[in-house]
């Protein structure tokens, strides 16, 4: 199982955790390149892991996932179906950079939470630090498989 840690985008003391379960996540839009999809698949399908977590927590109705391989594809699918409850995007999503993409999404669909999942490297971390992250609700860094 990979190590994932959260970069502080929000002040966690100001989050009302009691309100988090009031919105059920039924549909997730996953934006990742074929390479990132392969890496996620090798580590264990993200949708299978979430389904397993739902079962472990005695929750029903895990979300469905729709995967696209670029920001352009995501924008096209959002034009025809804006009923997604959550957008999970990787760092490399095609011609449009992730920050431009999420700013566009937040302007058109401000109620859909957007989360960045990035492979941790010093270079990517530096690039992210230099960007305007206001259009992202959270940033998670994935550090690869756990070692014993």
N, C-alpha and C. Protein backbone atom coordinates (compact mmCIF):
# COMPACT_ATOMS: atom_id res chain seq x y z
N UNK A 1 0.85 -1.17 0.00
CA UNK A 1 0.00 0.00 0.00
C UNK A 1 0.90 1.24 0.00
N UNK A 2 0.58 2.25 -0.80
CA UNK A 2 1.43 3.44 -0.87
C UNK A 2 1.26 4.34 0.34
N UNK A 3 2.27 5.14 0.56
CA UNK A 3 2.16 6.20 1.56
C UNK A 3 1.55 7.40 0.86
N UNK A 4 0.57 8.01 1.46
CA UNK A 4 -0.03 9.22 0.90
C UNK A 4 -0.08 10.23 2.03
N UNK A 5 0.36 11.44 1.72
CA UNK A 5 0.21 12.47 2.73
C UNK A 5 -0.41 13.69 2.11
N UNK A 6 -1.03 14.48 2.94
CA UNK A 6 -1.82 15.61 2.52
C UNK A 6 -1.04 16.90 2.74
N UNK A 7 -1.00 17.71 1.70
CA UNK A 7 -0.42 19.04 1.86
C UNK A 7 -1.50 19.95 2.41
N UNK A 8 -1.15 20.79 3.33
CA UNK A 8 -2.13 21.68 3.94
C UNK A 8 -2.53 22.77 2.94
N UNK A 9 -3.74 22.69 2.45
CA UNK A 9 -4.30 23.70 1.58
C UNK A 9 -5.30 24.54 2.36
N UNK A 10 -5.95 23.90 3.32
CA UNK A 10 -6.93 24.57 4.17
C UNK A 10 -6.47 24.52 5.61
N UNK A 11 -7.02 25.38 6.41
CA UNK A 11 -6.78 25.34 7.84
C UNK A 11 -7.70 24.27 8.42
N UNK A 12 -7.13 23.13 8.83
CA UNK A 12 -7.94 22.01 9.28
C UNK A 12 -8.75 22.34 10.51
N UNK A 13 -8.33 23.31 11.29
CA UNK A 13 -9.10 23.67 12.47
C UNK A 13 -10.42 24.33 12.09
N UNK A 14 -10.51 24.87 10.89
CA UNK A 14 -11.73 25.54 10.46
C UNK A 14 -12.70 24.61 9.73
N UNK A 15 -12.32 23.35 9.50
CA UNK A 15 -13.18 22.41 8.80
C UNK A 15 -14.19 21.84 9.78
N UNK A 16 -15.45 21.86 9.40
CA UNK A 16 -16.51 21.26 10.20
C UNK A 16 -16.62 19.80 9.78
N UNK A 17 -15.92 18.92 10.49
CA UNK A 17 -15.88 17.51 10.12
C UNK A 17 -17.23 16.84 10.21
N UNK A 18 -18.11 17.34 11.03
CA UNK A 18 -19.45 16.78 11.14
C UNK A 18 -20.26 16.94 9.86
N UNK A 19 -19.89 17.91 9.02
CA UNK A 19 -20.64 18.14 7.79
C UNK A 19 -20.08 17.35 6.61
N UNK A 20 -18.96 16.64 6.79
CA UNK A 20 -18.35 15.95 5.66
C UNK A 20 -19.22 14.83 5.11
N UNK A 21 -19.90 14.09 5.95
CA UNK A 21 -20.70 12.97 5.48
C UNK A 21 -22.07 13.40 4.96
N UNK A 22 -22.36 14.68 4.97
CA UNK A 22 -23.65 15.13 4.47
C UNK A 22 -23.74 15.07 2.96
N UNK A 23 -22.61 15.00 2.30
CA UNK A 23 -22.60 14.91 0.84
C UNK A 23 -22.06 13.55 0.45
N UNK A 24 -22.90 12.75 -0.13
CA UNK A 24 -22.49 11.42 -0.57
C UNK A 24 -21.78 11.53 -1.93
N UNK A 25 -20.68 10.85 -2.05
CA UNK A 25 -19.95 10.82 -3.31
C UNK A 25 -20.41 9.59 -4.08
N UNK A 26 -21.11 9.85 -5.17
CA UNK A 26 -21.65 8.77 -5.99
C UNK A 26 -20.85 8.58 -7.28
N UNK A 27 -20.35 9.71 -7.81
CA UNK A 27 -19.64 9.65 -9.10
C UNK A 27 -18.32 10.41 -8.99
N UNK A 28 -17.24 9.73 -9.36
CA UNK A 28 -15.91 10.32 -9.32
C UNK A 28 -15.36 10.39 -10.73
N UNK A 29 -14.84 11.56 -11.09
CA UNK A 29 -14.14 11.72 -12.37
C UNK A 29 -12.65 11.64 -12.06
N UNK A 30 -11.99 10.63 -12.60
CA UNK A 30 -10.56 10.42 -12.41
C UNK A 30 -9.84 10.81 -13.69
N UNK A 31 -8.91 11.76 -13.56
CA UNK A 31 -8.16 12.24 -14.72
C UNK A 31 -6.71 11.83 -14.54
N UNK A 32 -6.26 10.91 -15.38
CA UNK A 32 -4.87 10.48 -15.30
C UNK A 32 -4.43 9.91 -16.64
N UNK A 33 -3.17 10.08 -16.93
CA UNK A 33 -2.60 9.56 -18.16
C UNK A 33 -2.63 8.03 -18.13
N UNK A 34 -2.40 7.42 -19.27
CA UNK A 34 -2.36 5.95 -19.32
C UNK A 34 -1.26 5.41 -18.43
N UNK A 35 -0.13 6.13 -18.39
CA UNK A 35 0.98 5.70 -17.53
C UNK A 35 0.56 5.75 -16.06
N UNK A 36 -0.04 6.87 -15.63
CA UNK A 36 -0.48 6.98 -14.24
C UNK A 36 -1.54 5.93 -13.92
N UNK A 37 -2.42 5.65 -14.87
CA UNK A 37 -3.44 4.61 -14.66
C UNK A 37 -2.77 3.26 -14.47
N UNK A 38 -1.72 2.99 -15.23
CA UNK A 38 -0.98 1.74 -15.09
C UNK A 38 -0.33 1.66 -13.71
N UNK A 39 0.29 2.74 -13.26
CA UNK A 39 0.94 2.77 -11.95
C UNK A 39 -0.10 2.55 -10.84
N UNK A 40 -1.25 3.23 -10.95
CA UNK A 40 -2.31 3.04 -9.96
C UNK A 40 -2.81 1.60 -9.98
N UNK A 41 -2.90 1.02 -11.18
CA UNK A 41 -3.36 -0.36 -11.33
C UNK A 41 -2.36 -1.33 -10.69
N UNK A 42 -1.08 -1.07 -10.89
CA UNK A 42 -0.04 -1.93 -10.31
C UNK A 42 -0.11 -1.92 -8.80
N UNK A 43 -0.40 -0.78 -8.22
CA UNK A 43 -0.46 -0.65 -6.77
C UNK A 43 -1.79 -1.18 -6.22
N UNK A 44 -2.73 -1.41 -7.08
CA UNK A 44 -4.06 -1.84 -6.65
C UNK A 44 -5.07 -0.82 -7.14
N UNK A 45 -6.04 -1.28 -7.88
CA UNK A 45 -7.01 -0.36 -8.48
C UNK A 45 -7.62 0.53 -7.43
N UNK A 46 -7.61 1.82 -7.72
CA UNK A 46 -8.11 2.80 -6.75
C UNK A 46 -9.59 2.57 -6.45
N UNK A 47 -10.37 2.20 -7.47
CA UNK A 47 -11.79 1.96 -7.23
C UNK A 47 -11.99 0.71 -6.37
N UNK A 48 -11.16 -0.31 -6.56
CA UNK A 48 -11.25 -1.51 -5.72
C UNK A 48 -10.87 -1.21 -4.28
N UNK A 49 -9.84 -0.39 -4.10
CA UNK A 49 -9.43 -0.02 -2.75
C UNK A 49 -10.52 0.76 -2.03
N UNK A 50 -11.15 1.68 -2.75
CA UNK A 50 -12.23 2.46 -2.13
C UNK A 50 -13.42 1.58 -1.82
N UNK A 51 -13.77 0.66 -2.73
CA UNK A 51 -14.86 -0.28 -2.46
C UNK A 51 -14.57 -1.11 -1.21
N UNK A 52 -13.32 -1.55 -1.05
CA UNK A 52 -12.92 -2.33 0.12
C UNK A 52 -13.05 -1.48 1.39
N UNK A 53 -12.65 -0.21 1.31
CA UNK A 53 -12.78 0.68 2.47
C UNK A 53 -14.25 0.87 2.85
N UNK A 54 -15.11 1.01 1.85
CA UNK A 54 -16.55 1.15 2.12
C UNK A 54 -17.06 -0.08 2.86
N UNK A 55 -16.68 -1.26 2.40
CA UNK A 55 -17.11 -2.49 3.06
C UNK A 55 -16.58 -2.57 4.49
N UNK A 56 -15.29 -2.21 4.66
CA UNK A 56 -14.69 -2.25 6.00
C UNK A 56 -15.39 -1.31 6.97
N UNK A 57 -15.91 -0.20 6.46
CA UNK A 57 -16.59 0.79 7.30
C UNK A 57 -18.10 0.57 7.37
N UNK A 58 -18.56 -0.55 6.79
CA UNK A 58 -19.99 -0.88 6.75
C UNK A 58 -20.80 0.21 6.05
N UNK A 59 -20.22 0.80 5.03
CA UNK A 59 -20.94 1.79 4.22
C UNK A 59 -21.43 1.10 2.95
N UNK A 60 -22.54 1.57 2.45
CA UNK A 60 -23.07 0.97 1.22
C UNK A 60 -22.90 1.96 0.07
N UNK A 61 -23.11 1.48 -1.11
CA UNK A 61 -23.09 2.28 -2.34
C UNK A 61 -21.77 3.02 -2.56
N UNK A 62 -20.68 2.30 -2.80
CA UNK A 62 -19.43 2.98 -3.13
C UNK A 62 -19.57 3.74 -4.44
N UNK A 63 -18.75 4.75 -4.66
CA UNK A 63 -18.89 5.57 -5.86
C UNK A 63 -18.47 4.83 -7.12
N UNK A 64 -19.01 5.29 -8.24
CA UNK A 64 -18.56 4.78 -9.53
C UNK A 64 -17.47 5.72 -10.05
N UNK A 65 -16.55 5.18 -10.84
CA UNK A 65 -15.44 5.95 -11.38
C UNK A 65 -15.54 6.05 -12.89
N UNK A 66 -15.28 7.24 -13.40
CA UNK A 66 -15.14 7.45 -14.83
C UNK A 66 -13.74 7.98 -15.04
N UNK A 67 -12.92 7.25 -15.82
CA UNK A 67 -11.55 7.67 -16.04
C UNK A 67 -11.39 8.26 -17.43
N UNK A 68 -10.73 9.40 -17.48
CA UNK A 68 -10.33 10.01 -18.74
C UNK A 68 -8.83 10.26 -18.67
N UNK A 69 -8.20 10.42 -19.83
CA UNK A 69 -6.73 10.51 -19.82
C UNK A 69 -6.19 11.92 -20.01
N UNK A 70 -7.06 12.92 -20.11
CA UNK A 70 -6.54 14.28 -20.27
C UNK A 70 -7.56 15.30 -19.77
N UNK A 71 -7.07 16.51 -19.56
CA UNK A 71 -7.94 17.61 -19.14
C UNK A 71 -8.95 17.93 -20.22
N UNK A 72 -8.54 17.85 -21.48
CA UNK A 72 -9.47 18.11 -22.59
C UNK A 72 -10.63 17.12 -22.57
N UNK A 73 -10.33 15.83 -22.37
CA UNK A 73 -11.39 14.82 -22.28
C UNK A 73 -12.29 15.09 -21.09
N UNK A 74 -11.70 15.50 -19.98
CA UNK A 74 -12.49 15.80 -18.78
C UNK A 74 -13.45 16.95 -19.04
N UNK A 75 -12.98 18.00 -19.69
CA UNK A 75 -13.86 19.13 -19.99
C UNK A 75 -14.99 18.72 -20.92
N UNK A 76 -14.69 17.86 -21.88
CA UNK A 76 -15.74 17.37 -22.79
C UNK A 76 -16.79 16.57 -22.04
N UNK A 77 -16.36 15.70 -21.16
CA UNK A 77 -17.32 14.88 -20.42
C UNK A 77 -18.13 15.73 -19.44
N UNK A 78 -17.50 16.75 -18.84
CA UNK A 78 -18.22 17.63 -17.93
C UNK A 78 -19.28 18.47 -18.65
N UNK A 79 -19.06 18.76 -19.94
CA UNK A 79 -20.07 19.50 -20.71
C UNK A 79 -21.36 18.70 -20.86
N UNK A 80 -21.23 17.38 -20.98
CA UNK A 80 -22.41 16.55 -21.19
C UNK A 80 -22.93 15.93 -19.89
N UNK A 81 -22.06 15.85 -18.87
CA UNK A 81 -22.46 15.23 -17.61
C UNK A 81 -21.75 15.96 -16.47
N UNK A 82 -22.44 16.90 -15.87
CA UNK A 82 -21.83 17.63 -14.76
C UNK A 82 -22.35 17.14 -13.42
N UNK A 83 -22.74 15.87 -13.37
CA UNK A 83 -23.28 15.30 -12.13
C UNK A 83 -22.21 14.63 -11.27
N UNK A 84 -20.94 14.89 -11.56
CA UNK A 84 -19.87 14.30 -10.76
C UNK A 84 -19.83 14.97 -9.40
N UNK A 85 -19.57 14.15 -8.39
CA UNK A 85 -19.51 14.65 -7.02
C UNK A 85 -18.09 14.97 -6.59
N UNK A 86 -17.12 14.53 -7.38
CA UNK A 86 -15.72 14.62 -6.95
C UNK A 86 -14.83 14.49 -8.18
N UNK A 87 -13.78 15.29 -8.25
CA UNK A 87 -12.81 15.18 -9.34
C UNK A 87 -11.45 14.91 -8.72
N UNK A 88 -10.86 13.79 -9.12
CA UNK A 88 -9.52 13.40 -8.68
C UNK A 88 -8.61 13.46 -9.89
N UNK A 89 -7.59 14.30 -9.83
CA UNK A 89 -6.72 14.48 -10.97
C UNK A 89 -5.27 14.23 -10.59
N UNK A 90 -4.54 13.66 -11.51
CA UNK A 90 -3.10 13.49 -11.34
C UNK A 90 -2.43 14.78 -11.83
N UNK A 91 -1.12 14.87 -11.67
CA UNK A 91 -0.38 16.09 -12.01
C UNK A 91 -0.27 16.30 -13.52
N UNK A 92 0.10 15.25 -14.25
CA UNK A 92 0.28 15.36 -15.70
C UNK A 92 -1.00 14.92 -16.41
N UNK A 93 -1.74 15.92 -16.93
CA UNK A 93 -3.04 15.60 -17.53
C UNK A 93 -3.17 16.15 -18.95
N UNK A 94 -2.04 16.24 -19.65
CA UNK A 94 -2.10 16.64 -21.05
C UNK A 94 -1.60 18.04 -21.30
N UNK A 95 -2.11 18.62 -22.37
CA UNK A 95 -1.67 19.95 -22.82
C UNK A 95 -1.92 21.04 -21.79
N UNK A 96 -3.06 20.96 -21.12
CA UNK A 96 -3.42 21.96 -20.12
C UNK A 96 -2.81 21.54 -18.79
N UNK A 97 -2.16 22.47 -18.08
CA UNK A 97 -1.62 22.08 -16.78
C UNK A 97 -2.76 21.96 -15.77
N UNK A 98 -2.50 21.21 -14.73
CA UNK A 98 -3.53 20.88 -13.75
C UNK A 98 -4.10 22.12 -13.07
N UNK A 99 -3.31 23.17 -12.88
CA UNK A 99 -3.79 24.37 -12.19
C UNK A 99 -4.72 25.19 -13.07
N UNK A 100 -4.40 25.29 -14.35
CA UNK A 100 -5.30 25.97 -15.30
C UNK A 100 -6.60 25.20 -15.41
N UNK A 101 -6.49 23.87 -15.50
CA UNK A 101 -7.68 23.02 -15.60
C UNK A 101 -8.58 23.20 -14.39
N UNK A 102 -8.03 23.13 -13.18
CA UNK A 102 -8.87 23.22 -11.99
C UNK A 102 -9.46 24.62 -11.81
N UNK A 103 -8.76 25.66 -12.24
CA UNK A 103 -9.34 27.01 -12.20
C UNK A 103 -10.56 27.08 -13.12
N UNK A 104 -10.45 26.49 -14.30
CA UNK A 104 -11.57 26.48 -15.25
C UNK A 104 -12.74 25.69 -14.68
N UNK A 105 -12.45 24.54 -14.09
CA UNK A 105 -13.51 23.71 -13.50
C UNK A 105 -14.20 24.46 -12.37
N UNK A 106 -13.43 25.09 -11.50
CA UNK A 106 -14.03 25.80 -10.35
C UNK A 106 -14.90 26.97 -10.79
N UNK A 107 -14.56 27.62 -11.92
CA UNK A 107 -15.39 28.72 -12.42
C UNK A 107 -16.73 28.18 -12.92
N UNK A 108 -16.70 27.04 -13.62
CA UNK A 108 -17.92 26.49 -14.20
C UNK A 108 -18.71 25.62 -13.23
N UNK A 109 -18.00 24.90 -12.37
CA UNK A 109 -18.62 23.94 -11.45
C UNK A 109 -18.05 24.16 -10.04
N UNK A 110 -18.38 25.24 -9.40
CA UNK A 110 -17.75 25.58 -8.11
C UNK A 110 -18.04 24.61 -6.97
N UNK A 111 -19.10 23.81 -7.09
CA UNK A 111 -19.46 22.91 -6.00
C UNK A 111 -18.83 21.53 -6.09
N UNK A 112 -18.08 21.26 -7.17
CA UNK A 112 -17.43 19.96 -7.29
C UNK A 112 -16.04 20.04 -6.67
N UNK A 113 -15.79 19.28 -5.61
CA UNK A 113 -14.46 19.29 -5.01
C UNK A 113 -13.42 18.74 -6.00
N UNK A 114 -12.26 19.38 -6.03
CA UNK A 114 -11.17 18.94 -6.90
C UNK A 114 -9.95 18.64 -6.04
N UNK A 115 -9.36 17.48 -6.30
CA UNK A 115 -8.23 17.01 -5.52
C UNK A 115 -7.12 16.59 -6.46
N UNK A 116 -5.90 16.98 -6.12
CA UNK A 116 -4.72 16.60 -6.89
C UNK A 116 -4.01 15.47 -6.17
N UNK A 117 -3.72 14.39 -6.89
CA UNK A 117 -2.91 13.30 -6.39
C UNK A 117 -1.64 13.28 -7.23
N UNK A 118 -0.50 13.56 -6.60
CA UNK A 118 0.76 13.66 -7.34
C UNK A 118 1.78 12.69 -6.78
N UNK A 119 2.56 12.10 -7.66
CA UNK A 119 3.71 11.31 -7.23
C UNK A 119 4.69 12.27 -6.58
N UNK A 120 5.19 11.90 -5.42
CA UNK A 120 6.09 12.82 -4.73
C UNK A 120 7.48 12.78 -5.34
N UNK A 121 7.95 13.96 -5.71
CA UNK A 121 9.35 14.17 -6.07
C UNK A 121 9.66 15.61 -5.69
N UNK A 122 10.92 15.90 -5.45
CA UNK A 122 11.29 17.26 -5.08
C UNK A 122 10.93 18.24 -6.19
N UNK A 123 11.09 17.82 -7.45
CA UNK A 123 10.79 18.70 -8.58
C UNK A 123 9.30 19.02 -8.66
N UNK A 124 8.45 18.01 -8.55
CA UNK A 124 7.01 18.25 -8.61
C UNK A 124 6.57 19.07 -7.40
N UNK A 125 7.11 18.76 -6.23
CA UNK A 125 6.78 19.52 -5.03
C UNK A 125 7.15 21.00 -5.22
N UNK A 126 8.31 21.27 -5.79
CA UNK A 126 8.73 22.65 -6.03
C UNK A 126 7.79 23.34 -7.01
N UNK A 127 7.41 22.65 -8.08
CA UNK A 127 6.48 23.23 -9.06
C UNK A 127 5.14 23.55 -8.42
N UNK A 128 4.65 22.64 -7.60
CA UNK A 128 3.36 22.85 -6.95
C UNK A 128 3.44 24.03 -5.99
N UNK A 129 4.53 24.14 -5.25
CA UNK A 129 4.68 25.25 -4.30
C UNK A 129 4.66 26.60 -5.00
N UNK A 130 5.15 26.64 -6.25
CA UNK A 130 5.22 27.90 -7.00
C UNK A 130 3.91 28.28 -7.68
N UNK A 131 2.89 27.45 -7.58
CA UNK A 131 1.63 27.68 -8.28
C UNK A 131 0.54 28.22 -7.35
N UNK A 132 -0.48 28.79 -7.98
CA UNK A 132 -1.68 29.20 -7.26
C UNK A 132 -2.55 27.96 -7.06
N UNK A 133 -2.66 27.50 -5.83
CA UNK A 133 -3.38 26.26 -5.52
C UNK A 133 -4.81 26.51 -5.05
N UNK A 134 -5.29 27.72 -5.20
CA UNK A 134 -6.60 28.08 -4.65
C UNK A 134 -7.76 27.31 -5.29
N UNK A 135 -7.57 26.78 -6.49
CA UNK A 135 -8.64 26.04 -7.15
C UNK A 135 -8.68 24.57 -6.76
N UNK A 136 -7.73 24.15 -5.93
CA UNK A 136 -7.70 22.76 -5.45
C UNK A 136 -8.20 22.72 -4.02
N UNK A 137 -9.04 21.74 -3.73
CA UNK A 137 -9.53 21.58 -2.37
C UNK A 137 -8.49 20.88 -1.50
N UNK A 138 -7.79 19.90 -2.07
CA UNK A 138 -6.73 19.19 -1.37
C UNK A 138 -5.66 18.76 -2.34
N UNK A 139 -4.47 18.54 -1.81
CA UNK A 139 -3.37 17.97 -2.58
C UNK A 139 -2.83 16.80 -1.77
N UNK A 140 -2.77 15.63 -2.42
CA UNK A 140 -2.19 14.45 -1.80
C UNK A 140 -0.93 14.08 -2.57
N UNK A 141 0.12 13.75 -1.85
CA UNK A 141 1.34 13.26 -2.48
C UNK A 141 1.42 11.76 -2.23
N UNK A 142 1.65 11.03 -3.30
CA UNK A 142 1.76 9.59 -3.24
C UNK A 142 3.24 9.27 -3.31
N UNK A 143 3.75 8.50 -2.35
CA UNK A 143 5.18 8.24 -2.29
C UNK A 143 5.54 6.83 -2.72
N UNK A 144 4.62 6.11 -3.32
CA UNK A 144 4.93 4.78 -3.82
C UNK A 144 4.68 3.71 -2.79
N UNK A 145 5.05 2.47 -3.14
CA UNK A 145 4.77 1.34 -2.25
C UNK A 145 5.49 1.47 -0.91
N UNK A 146 4.84 0.96 0.11
CA UNK A 146 5.42 0.96 1.45
C UNK A 146 6.55 -0.06 1.50
N UNK A 147 7.61 0.28 2.16
CA UNK A 147 8.69 -0.69 2.36
C UNK A 147 8.76 -1.04 3.84
N UNK A 148 9.16 -2.24 4.13
CA UNK A 148 9.24 -2.68 5.53
C UNK A 148 10.59 -2.39 6.11
